[in-house]
Amino acid sequence: MSAEKLYTIVLEHSLEVLLEAATMEQVEAFWDAHDSHYFGLRMENETGPHVRVIVTDEIPEEEAELCAG
C-alpha cells in the first residue's frame, strides 16, 4: 500500500465529487484546467492520508466586486 497522500475534490454546495483519490500532481493539473470556473480551494484533514479539497463554482463577493469594476 502506498504512503502517498490522496486528494478528493468536492464541489461545496452539491458535494459532487469532481476528482477522486488523486495525487497532488493530478490536483494541480485539475486546478490549472479549471481555475476560471472554480474558486476557494480549501483543504480539510490535511494531516491525514486522504485530504478532502472543497471548491465552489460561485464567485466570491470580493472577486465579483473587482469584476464589476
N, C-alpha and C. Protein backbone atom coordinates (compact mmCIF):
# COMPACT_ATOMS: atom_id res chain seq x y z
N MET A 1 0.84 -1.18 0.00
CA MET A 1 0.00 0.00 0.00
C MET A 1 0.88 1.24 0.00
N SER A 2 0.53 2.19 -0.84
CA SER A 2 1.32 3.40 -0.99
C SER A 2 1.09 4.36 0.18
N ALA A 3 2.16 5.03 0.57
CA ALA A 3 2.05 6.02 1.65
C ALA A 3 1.75 7.41 1.08
N GLU A 4 1.60 7.49 -0.25
CA GLU A 4 1.33 8.78 -0.88
C GLU A 4 -0.04 9.31 -0.47
N LYS A 5 -0.09 10.59 -0.18
CA LYS A 5 -1.34 11.25 0.22
C LYS A 5 -2.24 11.36 -1.01
N LEU A 6 -3.53 11.12 -0.81
CA LEU A 6 -4.51 11.22 -1.89
C LEU A 6 -5.48 12.36 -1.61
N TYR A 7 -6.03 12.91 -2.67
CA TYR A 7 -6.91 14.08 -2.57
C TYR A 7 -8.20 13.82 -3.34
N THR A 8 -9.31 14.28 -2.79
CA THR A 8 -10.59 14.24 -3.49
C THR A 8 -11.12 15.66 -3.53
N ILE A 9 -11.45 16.13 -4.74
CA ILE A 9 -12.00 17.47 -4.90
C ILE A 9 -13.52 17.36 -4.94
N VAL A 10 -14.17 18.17 -4.07
CA VAL A 10 -15.63 18.13 -3.91
C VAL A 10 -16.18 19.53 -4.11
N LEU A 11 -17.29 19.62 -4.86
CA LEU A 11 -17.98 20.89 -5.06
C LEU A 11 -18.78 21.21 -3.80
N GLU A 12 -18.56 22.37 -3.23
CA GLU A 12 -19.05 22.73 -1.90
C GLU A 12 -20.55 22.51 -1.68
N HIS A 13 -21.40 23.06 -2.50
CA HIS A 13 -22.83 23.06 -2.19
C HIS A 13 -23.54 21.75 -2.57
N SER A 14 -23.11 21.12 -3.63
CA SER A 14 -23.78 19.88 -4.06
C SER A 14 -23.07 18.63 -3.57
N LEU A 15 -21.83 18.78 -3.08
CA LEU A 15 -20.98 17.66 -2.66
C LEU A 15 -20.65 16.72 -3.82
N GLU A 16 -20.79 17.24 -5.05
CA GLU A 16 -20.40 16.46 -6.24
C GLU A 16 -18.90 16.24 -6.22
N VAL A 17 -18.47 15.02 -6.45
CA VAL A 17 -17.05 14.70 -6.50
C VAL A 17 -16.54 15.03 -7.90
N LEU A 18 -15.57 15.94 -7.97
CA LEU A 18 -15.02 16.36 -9.25
C LEU A 18 -13.76 15.59 -9.62
N LEU A 19 -13.03 15.13 -8.62
CA LEU A 19 -11.81 14.35 -8.82
C LEU A 19 -11.62 13.50 -7.58
N GLU A 20 -11.43 12.19 -7.75
CA GLU A 20 -11.39 11.31 -6.59
C GLU A 20 -10.06 10.56 -6.50
N ALA A 21 -9.55 10.45 -5.28
CA ALA A 21 -8.33 9.68 -4.98
C ALA A 21 -7.19 10.04 -5.92
N ALA A 22 -6.92 11.33 -6.02
CA ALA A 22 -5.91 11.85 -6.94
C ALA A 22 -4.62 12.19 -6.21
N THR A 23 -3.55 12.22 -6.96
CA THR A 23 -2.26 12.67 -6.42
C THR A 23 -2.24 14.20 -6.45
N MET A 24 -1.28 14.79 -5.77
CA MET A 24 -1.16 16.25 -5.79
C MET A 24 -0.93 16.75 -7.22
N GLU A 25 -0.19 16.01 -8.01
CA GLU A 25 0.05 16.40 -9.40
C GLU A 25 -1.26 16.44 -10.18
N GLN A 26 -2.15 15.48 -9.94
CA GLN A 26 -3.44 15.47 -10.60
C GLN A 26 -4.32 16.62 -10.13
N VAL A 27 -4.25 16.95 -8.85
CA VAL A 27 -5.00 18.09 -8.31
C VAL A 27 -4.51 19.38 -8.96
N GLU A 28 -3.20 19.54 -9.06
CA GLU A 28 -2.64 20.74 -9.69
C GLU A 28 -3.06 20.84 -11.15
N ALA A 29 -3.06 19.73 -11.88
CA ALA A 29 -3.48 19.74 -13.28
C ALA A 29 -4.96 20.08 -13.39
N PHE A 30 -5.77 19.53 -12.49
CA PHE A 30 -7.20 19.84 -12.47
C PHE A 30 -7.40 21.34 -12.25
N TRP A 31 -6.71 21.87 -11.24
CA TRP A 31 -6.86 23.28 -10.91
C TRP A 31 -6.41 24.17 -12.07
N ASP A 32 -5.30 23.82 -12.71
CA ASP A 32 -4.82 24.59 -13.86
C ASP A 32 -5.85 24.60 -14.98
N ALA A 33 -6.52 23.48 -15.18
CA ALA A 33 -7.50 23.37 -16.25
C ALA A 33 -8.84 24.02 -15.91
N HIS A 34 -9.14 24.21 -14.63
CA HIS A 34 -10.46 24.69 -14.22
C HIS A 34 -10.43 25.92 -13.31
N ASP A 35 -9.30 26.60 -13.19
CA ASP A 35 -9.20 27.71 -12.23
C ASP A 35 -10.10 28.90 -12.55
N SER A 36 -10.61 28.99 -13.76
CA SER A 36 -11.52 30.09 -14.06
C SER A 36 -12.97 29.72 -13.74
N HIS A 37 -13.22 28.46 -13.45
CA HIS A 37 -14.58 28.00 -13.16
C HIS A 37 -14.82 27.75 -11.67
N TYR A 38 -13.79 27.32 -10.95
CA TYR A 38 -13.93 27.01 -9.53
C TYR A 38 -13.12 27.98 -8.69
N PHE A 39 -13.58 28.22 -7.47
CA PHE A 39 -12.96 29.20 -6.58
C PHE A 39 -12.81 28.59 -5.18
N GLY A 40 -12.03 29.26 -4.35
CA GLY A 40 -11.99 28.97 -2.93
C GLY A 40 -11.45 27.62 -2.54
N LEU A 41 -10.43 27.17 -3.18
CA LEU A 41 -9.82 25.88 -2.85
C LEU A 41 -9.48 25.85 -1.36
N ARG A 42 -10.09 24.89 -0.64
CA ARG A 42 -9.89 24.77 0.81
C ARG A 42 -9.69 23.29 1.14
N MET A 43 -8.65 22.99 1.88
CA MET A 43 -8.34 21.60 2.21
C MET A 43 -8.79 21.26 3.62
N GLU A 44 -9.36 20.05 3.78
CA GLU A 44 -9.78 19.54 5.08
C GLU A 44 -8.98 18.28 5.38
N ASN A 45 -8.64 18.07 6.65
CA ASN A 45 -7.91 16.89 7.10
C ASN A 45 -6.56 16.78 6.41
N GLU A 46 -5.83 17.89 6.35
CA GLU A 46 -4.55 17.94 5.65
C GLU A 46 -3.51 16.99 6.22
N THR A 47 -3.64 16.61 7.46
CA THR A 47 -2.64 15.74 8.08
C THR A 47 -2.92 14.26 7.86
N GLY A 48 -4.11 13.93 7.39
CA GLY A 48 -4.49 12.53 7.17
C GLY A 48 -3.98 12.02 5.83
N PRO A 49 -4.19 10.74 5.56
CA PRO A 49 -3.73 10.13 4.31
C PRO A 49 -4.61 10.47 3.11
N HIS A 50 -5.83 10.95 3.37
CA HIS A 50 -6.75 11.31 2.29
C HIS A 50 -7.34 12.69 2.61
N VAL A 51 -6.99 13.67 1.80
CA VAL A 51 -7.39 15.05 2.01
C VAL A 51 -8.60 15.37 1.15
N ARG A 52 -9.58 16.02 1.76
CA ARG A 52 -10.75 16.47 1.00
C ARG A 52 -10.52 17.94 0.65
N VAL A 53 -10.64 18.24 -0.65
CA VAL A 53 -10.44 19.59 -1.15
C VAL A 53 -11.81 20.13 -1.57
N ILE A 54 -12.21 21.24 -0.94
CA ILE A 54 -13.52 21.83 -1.21
C ILE A 54 -13.34 23.02 -2.15
N VAL A 55 -14.14 23.06 -3.21
CA VAL A 55 -14.15 24.20 -4.11
C VAL A 55 -15.60 24.64 -4.30
N THR A 56 -15.79 25.83 -4.84
CA THR A 56 -17.13 26.32 -5.14
C THR A 56 -17.14 26.85 -6.57
N ASP A 57 -18.32 26.87 -7.18
CA ASP A 57 -18.45 27.44 -8.51
C ASP A 57 -19.13 28.81 -8.44
N GLU A 58 -19.28 29.33 -7.22
CA GLU A 58 -19.84 30.66 -7.02
C GLU A 58 -18.71 31.66 -6.82
N ILE A 59 -18.75 32.76 -7.57
CA ILE A 59 -17.71 33.77 -7.47
C ILE A 59 -17.78 34.43 -6.10
N PRO A 60 -16.66 34.45 -5.36
CA PRO A 60 -16.64 35.14 -4.06
C PRO A 60 -16.98 36.62 -4.22
N GLU A 61 -17.62 37.22 -3.22
CA GLU A 61 -18.03 38.63 -3.28
C GLU A 61 -16.89 39.56 -3.67
N GLU A 62 -15.70 39.33 -3.08
CA GLU A 62 -14.56 40.20 -3.35
C GLU A 62 -14.20 40.20 -4.84
N GLU A 63 -14.20 39.01 -5.45
CA GLU A 63 -13.86 38.91 -6.87
C GLU A 63 -14.98 39.46 -7.74
N ALA A 64 -16.22 39.26 -7.36
CA ALA A 64 -17.35 39.78 -8.12
C ALA A 64 -17.32 41.30 -8.16
N GLU A 65 -16.97 41.91 -7.01
CA GLU A 65 -16.86 43.37 -6.94
C GLU A 65 -15.74 43.88 -7.85
N LEU A 66 -14.61 43.18 -7.87
CA LEU A 66 -13.50 43.58 -8.73
C LEU A 66 -13.85 43.47 -10.20
N CYS A 67 -14.61 42.43 -10.57
CA CYS A 67 -15.02 42.23 -11.95
C CYS A 67 -16.04 43.29 -12.39
N ALA A 68 -16.88 43.73 -11.43
CA ALA A 68 -17.90 44.74 -11.74
C ALA A 68 -17.28 46.10 -11.94
N GLY A 69 -16.07 46.26 -11.38
CA GLY A 69 -15.28 47.44 -11.59
C GLY A 69 -15.71 48.64 -10.87
